[in-house]
Amino acid sequence: MKLSDLPIVEEVFESGANDRVFDSLLLIGPVLIVGIAIAGRSWLTIGIAIAYVLFFVAYVVYRGLSN
């Protein structure tokens, strides 16, 4: 069984922008939020959240400029 076989993941991949990186970023966001809520606020979780947001914004800008 692959990750893309899961019902929610499959729907996102099929209805998404046909971009695996963007779809993966959308799926990782809620998991990241839950992980931070469970782990608590620390320098590590803040760094992970900042890195995620920066990568997401950079990727969206990159895709916007490349198309």
Protein backbone atom coordinates (compact mmCIF):
# COMPACT_ATOMS: atom_id res chain seq x y z
CA MET A 1 0.00 0.00 0.00
CA LYS A 2 1.35 3.36 -1.03
CA LEU A 3 0.70 6.67 0.71
CA SER A 4 -1.26 7.86 -2.32
CA ASP A 5 -3.70 4.94 -1.84
CA LEU A 6 -5.13 6.50 1.33
CA PRO A 7 -8.55 8.08 0.69
CA ILE A 8 -7.77 11.66 1.74
CA VAL A 9 -4.31 11.70 0.19
CA GLU A 10 -5.62 10.21 -3.05
CA GLU A 11 -8.30 12.92 -3.31
CA VAL A 12 -5.76 15.70 -2.79
CA PHE A 13 -3.42 14.25 -5.41
CA GLU A 14 -6.23 13.77 -7.94
CA SER A 15 -7.89 17.15 -7.45
CA GLY A 16 -4.72 19.13 -6.86
CA ALA A 17 -2.59 21.14 -9.22
CA ASN A 18 -0.84 18.02 -10.61
CA ASP A 19 2.21 19.06 -8.64
CA ARG A 20 3.42 16.47 -6.13
CA VAL A 21 5.56 18.96 -4.17
CA PHE A 22 2.69 21.42 -3.72
CA ASP A 23 0.24 18.64 -2.82
CA SER A 24 2.72 17.23 -0.31
CA LEU A 25 3.23 20.64 1.27
CA LEU A 26 -0.54 20.99 1.66
CA LEU A 27 -0.76 17.59 3.33
CA ILE A 28 2.24 18.17 5.63
CA GLY A 29 0.86 21.48 6.99
CA PRO A 30 -1.85 20.03 9.25
CA VAL A 31 0.46 17.23 10.39
CA LEU A 32 3.05 19.84 11.30
CA ILE A 33 0.50 21.83 13.30
CA VAL A 34 -0.61 18.75 15.23
CA GLY A 35 3.03 17.82 15.87
CA ILE A 36 3.78 21.27 17.25
CA ALA A 37 0.64 21.15 19.41
CA ILE A 38 1.72 17.80 20.87
CA ALA A 39 5.42 18.64 21.27
CA GLY A 40 4.81 22.10 22.63
CA ARG A 41 6.40 25.36 21.67
CA SER A 42 10.18 25.27 21.63
CA TRP A 43 13.01 26.65 19.55
CA LEU A 44 13.01 23.43 17.52
CA THR A 45 9.29 23.53 16.69
CA ILE A 46 9.43 27.26 15.92
CA GLY A 47 12.37 26.62 13.58
CA ILE A 48 10.52 23.79 11.84
CA ALA A 49 7.42 25.96 11.39
CA ILE A 50 9.47 28.87 10.02
CA ALA A 51 11.33 26.55 7.64
CA TYR A 52 8.03 25.08 6.42
CA VAL A 53 6.48 28.49 5.77
CA LEU A 54 9.61 29.81 4.03
CA PHE A 55 9.85 26.72 1.82
CA PHE A 56 6.13 26.90 1.00
CA VAL A 57 6.31 30.59 0.06
CA ALA A 58 9.54 30.11 -1.91
CA TYR A 59 8.04 27.19 -3.84
CA VAL A 60 4.85 29.09 -4.66
CA VAL A 61 6.88 32.09 -5.88
CA TYR A 62 9.15 29.79 -7.89
CA ARG A 63 6.17 28.09 -9.57
CA GLY A 64 4.55 31.46 -10.20
CA LEU A 65 7.64 32.83 -11.88
CA SER A 66 8.39 29.68 -13.88
CA ASN A 67 4.94 29.54 -15.47
